[in-house]
N, C-alpha and C. Protein backbone atom coordinates (compact mmCIF):
# COMPACT_ATOMS: atom_id res chain seq x y z
N UNK A 1 -21.49 9.10 -27.95
CA UNK A 1 -21.82 7.77 -28.41
C UNK A 1 -20.85 6.77 -27.78
N UNK A 2 -21.39 5.70 -27.21
CA UNK A 2 -20.57 4.68 -26.58
C UNK A 2 -20.01 3.73 -27.60
N UNK A 3 -18.75 3.36 -27.39
CA UNK A 3 -18.15 2.37 -28.28
C UNK A 3 -18.30 1.00 -27.65
N UNK A 4 -18.43 0.02 -28.48
CA UNK A 4 -18.57 -1.35 -28.00
C UNK A 4 -17.18 -1.92 -27.71
N UNK A 5 -17.03 -2.51 -26.55
CA UNK A 5 -15.78 -3.15 -26.19
C UNK A 5 -15.92 -4.65 -26.42
N UNK A 6 -14.83 -5.25 -26.79
CA UNK A 6 -14.83 -6.70 -26.94
C UNK A 6 -15.02 -7.32 -25.56
N UNK A 7 -15.74 -8.44 -25.49
CA UNK A 7 -15.91 -9.07 -24.18
C UNK A 7 -14.57 -9.51 -23.61
N UNK A 8 -14.47 -9.42 -22.32
CA UNK A 8 -13.23 -9.84 -21.66
C UNK A 8 -13.15 -11.36 -21.68
N UNK A 9 -11.96 -11.89 -21.87
CA UNK A 9 -11.83 -13.35 -21.90
C UNK A 9 -12.01 -13.93 -20.50
N UNK A 10 -12.42 -15.19 -20.40
CA UNK A 10 -12.55 -15.82 -19.08
C UNK A 10 -11.18 -15.85 -18.38
N UNK A 11 -11.20 -15.65 -17.09
CA UNK A 11 -9.95 -15.63 -16.33
C UNK A 11 -10.23 -16.11 -14.91
N UNK A 12 -9.29 -16.84 -14.34
CA UNK A 12 -9.43 -17.29 -12.95
C UNK A 12 -8.91 -16.19 -12.02
N UNK A 13 -9.28 -16.23 -10.75
CA UNK A 13 -8.75 -15.23 -9.82
C UNK A 13 -7.22 -15.20 -9.77
N UNK A 14 -6.59 -16.36 -9.90
CA UNK A 14 -5.13 -16.43 -9.86
C UNK A 14 -4.50 -15.75 -11.07
N UNK A 15 -5.20 -15.73 -12.19
CA UNK A 15 -4.69 -15.10 -13.41
C UNK A 15 -5.01 -13.61 -13.49
N UNK A 16 -5.96 -13.17 -12.69
CA UNK A 16 -6.44 -11.78 -12.77
C UNK A 16 -5.51 -10.84 -12.02
N UNK A 17 -4.92 -9.92 -12.75
CA UNK A 17 -3.98 -8.98 -12.13
C UNK A 17 -4.70 -8.06 -11.14
N UNK A 18 -5.95 -7.73 -11.39
CA UNK A 18 -6.70 -6.88 -10.46
C UNK A 18 -6.91 -7.63 -9.14
N UNK A 19 -7.31 -8.88 -9.22
CA UNK A 19 -7.53 -9.68 -8.01
C UNK A 19 -6.23 -9.84 -7.22
N UNK A 20 -5.15 -10.13 -7.92
CA UNK A 20 -3.86 -10.30 -7.23
C UNK A 20 -3.43 -9.00 -6.55
N UNK A 21 -3.61 -7.89 -7.25
CA UNK A 21 -3.23 -6.60 -6.69
C UNK A 21 -4.09 -6.26 -5.47
N UNK A 22 -5.40 -6.44 -5.59
CA UNK A 22 -6.29 -6.13 -4.47
C UNK A 22 -6.04 -7.06 -3.28
N UNK A 23 -5.68 -8.29 -3.55
CA UNK A 23 -5.36 -9.22 -2.46
C UNK A 23 -4.13 -8.73 -1.70
N UNK A 24 -3.12 -8.29 -2.43
CA UNK A 24 -1.91 -7.79 -1.78
C UNK A 24 -2.19 -6.47 -1.05
N UNK A 25 -2.75 -5.51 -1.76
CA UNK A 25 -2.98 -4.19 -1.18
C UNK A 25 -4.03 -4.26 -0.07
N UNK A 26 -4.96 -5.18 -0.21
CA UNK A 26 -6.03 -5.29 0.76
C UNK A 26 -5.67 -6.06 2.01
N UNK A 27 -4.45 -6.58 2.08
CA UNK A 27 -4.07 -7.30 3.30
C UNK A 27 -4.04 -6.32 4.46
N UNK A 28 -4.40 -6.82 5.60
CA UNK A 28 -4.54 -5.95 6.78
C UNK A 28 -3.29 -5.11 7.01
N UNK A 29 -3.46 -3.84 7.21
CA UNK A 29 -2.44 -2.85 7.52
C UNK A 29 -1.70 -2.31 6.29
N UNK A 30 -1.63 -3.04 5.20
CA UNK A 30 -0.85 -2.59 4.05
C UNK A 30 -1.32 -1.22 3.53
N UNK A 31 -2.63 -1.02 3.31
CA UNK A 31 -3.04 0.31 2.81
C UNK A 31 -2.67 1.43 3.78
N UNK A 32 -2.75 1.15 5.08
CA UNK A 32 -2.43 2.20 6.06
C UNK A 32 -0.94 2.51 6.09
N UNK A 33 -0.11 1.51 5.91
CA UNK A 33 1.34 1.76 5.85
C UNK A 33 1.63 2.67 4.66
N UNK A 34 1.07 2.33 3.51
CA UNK A 34 1.26 3.17 2.31
C UNK A 34 0.71 4.56 2.56
N UNK A 35 -0.47 4.63 3.14
CA UNK A 35 -1.14 5.91 3.39
C UNK A 35 -0.25 6.85 4.21
N UNK A 36 0.37 6.31 5.26
CA UNK A 36 1.23 7.14 6.11
C UNK A 36 2.54 7.52 5.41
N UNK A 37 3.04 6.66 4.56
CA UNK A 37 4.28 6.99 3.84
C UNK A 37 4.04 8.01 2.73
N UNK A 38 2.78 8.24 2.36
CA UNK A 38 2.49 9.28 1.37
C UNK A 38 2.90 10.66 1.89
N UNK A 39 2.94 10.81 3.22
CA UNK A 39 3.35 12.08 3.83
C UNK A 39 4.85 12.29 3.81
N UNK A 40 5.61 11.24 3.47
CA UNK A 40 7.06 11.36 3.42
C UNK A 40 7.74 10.24 4.17
N UNK A 41 9.06 10.31 4.19
CA UNK A 41 9.90 9.29 4.82
C UNK A 41 9.57 9.17 6.30
N UNK A 42 9.51 7.92 6.76
CA UNK A 42 9.22 7.67 8.18
C UNK A 42 10.18 6.61 8.71
N UNK A 43 10.46 6.73 9.98
CA UNK A 43 11.21 5.70 10.68
C UNK A 43 10.23 4.65 11.18
N UNK A 44 10.76 3.47 11.50
CA UNK A 44 9.93 2.36 11.96
C UNK A 44 9.06 2.79 13.15
N UNK A 45 9.68 3.45 14.12
CA UNK A 45 8.96 3.88 15.32
C UNK A 45 7.83 4.86 15.01
N UNK A 46 8.06 5.72 14.03
CA UNK A 46 7.01 6.67 13.64
C UNK A 46 5.81 5.93 13.04
N UNK A 47 6.11 4.91 12.25
CA UNK A 47 5.02 4.12 11.67
C UNK A 47 4.27 3.35 12.76
N UNK A 48 5.00 2.79 13.72
CA UNK A 48 4.33 2.08 14.83
C UNK A 48 3.41 3.01 15.58
N UNK A 49 3.86 4.23 15.81
CA UNK A 49 3.06 5.21 16.53
C UNK A 49 1.82 5.62 15.72
N UNK A 50 1.98 5.71 14.40
CA UNK A 50 0.87 6.11 13.53
C UNK A 50 -0.15 5.00 13.32
N UNK A 51 0.23 3.77 13.68
CA UNK A 51 -0.64 2.61 13.45
C UNK A 51 -0.90 1.88 14.77
N UNK A 52 -1.68 2.50 15.67
CA UNK A 52 -1.93 1.84 16.95
C UNK A 52 -2.61 0.48 16.72
N UNK A 53 -2.12 -0.52 17.41
CA UNK A 53 -2.69 -1.85 17.30
C UNK A 53 -1.91 -2.80 16.41
N UNK A 54 -1.00 -2.28 15.59
CA UNK A 54 -0.20 -3.16 14.74
C UNK A 54 0.92 -3.77 15.58
N UNK A 55 1.17 -5.04 15.37
CA UNK A 55 2.26 -5.68 16.11
C UNK A 55 3.58 -5.37 15.40
N UNK A 56 4.69 -5.40 16.14
CA UNK A 56 5.99 -5.16 15.51
C UNK A 56 6.27 -6.14 14.36
N UNK A 57 5.89 -7.41 14.54
CA UNK A 57 6.13 -8.41 13.50
C UNK A 57 5.30 -8.10 12.25
N UNK A 58 4.05 -7.74 12.44
CA UNK A 58 3.20 -7.43 11.29
C UNK A 58 3.73 -6.23 10.53
N UNK A 59 4.13 -5.18 11.25
CA UNK A 59 4.68 -4.01 10.57
C UNK A 59 5.94 -4.37 9.80
N UNK A 60 6.81 -5.14 10.42
CA UNK A 60 8.05 -5.56 9.74
C UNK A 60 7.72 -6.39 8.50
N UNK A 61 6.74 -7.29 8.62
CA UNK A 61 6.33 -8.11 7.48
C UNK A 61 5.77 -7.27 6.35
N UNK A 62 4.91 -6.31 6.69
CA UNK A 62 4.31 -5.45 5.65
C UNK A 62 5.37 -4.61 4.95
N UNK A 63 6.28 -4.04 5.74
CA UNK A 63 7.34 -3.22 5.14
C UNK A 63 8.23 -4.07 4.23
N UNK A 64 8.54 -5.27 4.66
CA UNK A 64 9.38 -6.15 3.84
C UNK A 64 8.66 -6.52 2.54
N UNK A 65 7.37 -6.83 2.62
CA UNK A 65 6.60 -7.18 1.41
C UNK A 65 6.53 -5.98 0.46
N UNK A 66 6.33 -4.80 1.00
CA UNK A 66 6.27 -3.59 0.17
C UNK A 66 7.63 -3.32 -0.48
N UNK A 67 8.69 -3.57 0.26
CA UNK A 67 10.04 -3.39 -0.29
C UNK A 67 10.30 -4.41 -1.40
N UNK A 68 9.92 -5.66 -1.17
CA UNK A 68 10.13 -6.70 -2.18
C UNK A 68 9.38 -6.41 -3.48
N UNK A 69 8.25 -5.75 -3.38
CA UNK A 69 7.45 -5.41 -4.57
C UNK A 69 7.85 -4.08 -5.20
N UNK A 70 8.88 -3.46 -4.64
CA UNK A 70 9.37 -2.22 -5.22
C UNK A 70 8.51 -1.01 -4.92
N UNK A 71 7.71 -1.08 -3.85
CA UNK A 71 6.85 0.05 -3.49
C UNK A 71 7.47 0.93 -2.41
N UNK A 72 8.41 0.36 -1.66
CA UNK A 72 9.05 1.07 -0.54
C UNK A 72 10.55 0.85 -0.61
N UNK A 73 11.30 1.88 -0.25
CA UNK A 73 12.74 1.72 -0.08
C UNK A 73 13.05 1.76 1.41
N UNK A 74 14.06 1.02 1.78
CA UNK A 74 14.53 0.96 3.16
C UNK A 74 15.97 1.46 3.16
N UNK A 75 16.21 2.52 3.92
CA UNK A 75 17.55 3.11 3.99
C UNK A 75 18.07 2.96 5.41
N UNK A 76 19.22 2.32 5.53
CA UNK A 76 19.88 2.16 6.83
C UNK A 76 21.02 3.15 6.90
N UNK A 77 20.96 4.05 7.88
CA UNK A 77 22.01 5.04 8.07
C UNK A 77 23.04 4.47 9.05
N UNK A 78 24.31 4.50 8.69
CA UNK A 78 25.35 3.88 9.54
C UNK A 78 25.67 4.74 10.76
N UNK A 79 24.76 4.70 11.71
CA UNK A 79 24.93 5.43 12.96
C UNK A 79 24.81 4.43 14.10
N UNK A 80 25.10 4.89 15.28
CA UNK A 80 24.91 4.04 16.46
C UNK A 80 23.93 4.74 17.38
N UNK A 81 22.76 4.17 17.63
CA UNK A 81 22.21 2.98 16.99
C UNK A 81 21.82 3.28 15.54
N UNK A 82 21.76 2.23 14.70
CA UNK A 82 21.41 2.45 13.30
C UNK A 82 20.04 3.09 13.16
N UNK A 83 19.93 3.99 12.22
CA UNK A 83 18.67 4.66 11.92
C UNK A 83 18.17 4.09 10.59
N UNK A 84 16.94 3.58 10.60
CA UNK A 84 16.34 2.99 9.40
C UNK A 84 15.14 3.83 9.01
N UNK A 85 15.09 4.20 7.73
CA UNK A 85 13.98 5.00 7.22
C UNK A 85 13.32 4.29 6.06
N UNK A 86 12.01 4.50 5.95
CA UNK A 86 11.22 3.92 4.88
C UNK A 86 10.57 5.04 4.08
N UNK A 87 10.57 4.86 2.77
CA UNK A 87 9.97 5.86 1.88
C UNK A 87 9.33 5.15 0.70
N UNK A 88 8.31 5.77 0.15
CA UNK A 88 7.68 5.22 -1.05
C UNK A 88 8.56 5.46 -2.26
N UNK A 89 8.57 4.51 -3.16
CA UNK A 89 9.20 4.67 -4.46
C UNK A 89 8.18 5.35 -5.38
N UNK A 90 8.58 5.75 -6.59
CA UNK A 90 7.58 6.27 -7.53
C UNK A 90 6.42 5.29 -7.75
N UNK A 91 6.73 4.01 -7.78
CA UNK A 91 5.68 3.00 -7.92
C UNK A 91 4.74 3.02 -6.71
N UNK A 92 5.30 3.20 -5.52
CA UNK A 92 4.49 3.29 -4.31
C UNK A 92 3.61 4.52 -4.30
N UNK A 93 4.16 5.66 -4.75
CA UNK A 93 3.35 6.88 -4.84
C UNK A 93 2.21 6.71 -5.84
N UNK A 94 2.47 6.00 -6.94
CA UNK A 94 1.41 5.75 -7.93
C UNK A 94 0.28 4.95 -7.29
N UNK A 95 0.61 3.97 -6.47
CA UNK A 95 -0.41 3.20 -5.77
C UNK A 95 -1.13 4.08 -4.75
N UNK A 96 -0.41 4.98 -4.13
CA UNK A 96 -1.02 5.91 -3.18
C UNK A 96 -2.10 6.76 -3.82
N UNK A 97 -1.88 7.17 -5.06
CA UNK A 97 -2.90 7.94 -5.78
C UNK A 97 -4.16 7.11 -5.97
N UNK A 98 -3.98 5.84 -6.23
CA UNK A 98 -5.14 4.94 -6.39
C UNK A 98 -5.86 4.80 -5.05
N UNK A 99 -5.11 4.68 -3.96
CA UNK A 99 -5.73 4.60 -2.65
C UNK A 99 -6.52 5.87 -2.33
N UNK A 100 -6.01 7.02 -2.75
CA UNK A 100 -6.76 8.28 -2.59
C UNK A 100 -8.10 8.18 -3.32
N UNK A 101 -8.09 7.65 -4.54
CA UNK A 101 -9.32 7.49 -5.31
C UNK A 101 -10.28 6.53 -4.61
N UNK A 102 -9.75 5.44 -4.08
CA UNK A 102 -10.57 4.47 -3.36
C UNK A 102 -11.19 5.14 -2.13
N UNK A 103 -10.41 5.94 -1.43
CA UNK A 103 -10.92 6.65 -0.24
C UNK A 103 -12.05 7.60 -0.63
N UNK A 104 -11.86 8.34 -1.72
CA UNK A 104 -12.92 9.25 -2.18
C UNK A 104 -14.18 8.47 -2.55
N UNK A 105 -14.00 7.35 -3.23
CA UNK A 105 -15.13 6.51 -3.61
C UNK A 105 -15.86 6.03 -2.34
N UNK A 106 -15.08 5.58 -1.36
CA UNK A 106 -15.68 5.11 -0.11
C UNK A 106 -16.47 6.20 0.61
N UNK A 107 -15.90 7.40 0.65
CA UNK A 107 -16.60 8.51 1.28
C UNK A 107 -17.91 8.83 0.56
N UNK A 108 -17.87 8.77 -0.75
CA UNK A 108 -19.06 9.09 -1.55
C UNK A 108 -20.14 8.02 -1.43
N UNK A 109 -19.74 6.74 -1.41
CA UNK A 109 -20.70 5.66 -1.49
C UNK A 109 -20.93 4.90 -0.19
N UNK A 110 -20.20 5.25 0.86
CA UNK A 110 -20.27 4.50 2.11
C UNK A 110 -21.71 4.42 2.65
N UNK A 111 -22.43 5.51 2.61
CA UNK A 111 -23.79 5.54 3.16
C UNK A 111 -24.86 5.42 2.10
N UNK A 112 -24.51 4.94 0.93
CA UNK A 112 -25.46 4.89 -0.18
C UNK A 112 -26.45 3.74 -0.08
N UNK A 113 -26.27 2.83 0.89
CA UNK A 113 -27.16 1.66 0.97
C UNK A 113 -28.56 2.03 1.28
């Protein structure tokens, strides 16, 4: 038996957490950066290689935005030359699980038209 849910209150796109999240995650290259970091820690060069077509500036911007939102950590190893590694935080891994679900949904429904 289905339970009745209260109607959702009116909300603007700016107030909607789902819209804000999808806008951020849906920005070009962001899902792919997260997707590749699901496999483990990567260096900047490894990510560039895994993402043919991304510009160095765009990759740096995406990594910085992910770091600012607490989804990625950036570790600088004090070597010469410095070695920088990127890894998902627990919050980033949680988002990765959602991206897996979105990918499964896309595979299932992509040709449903």
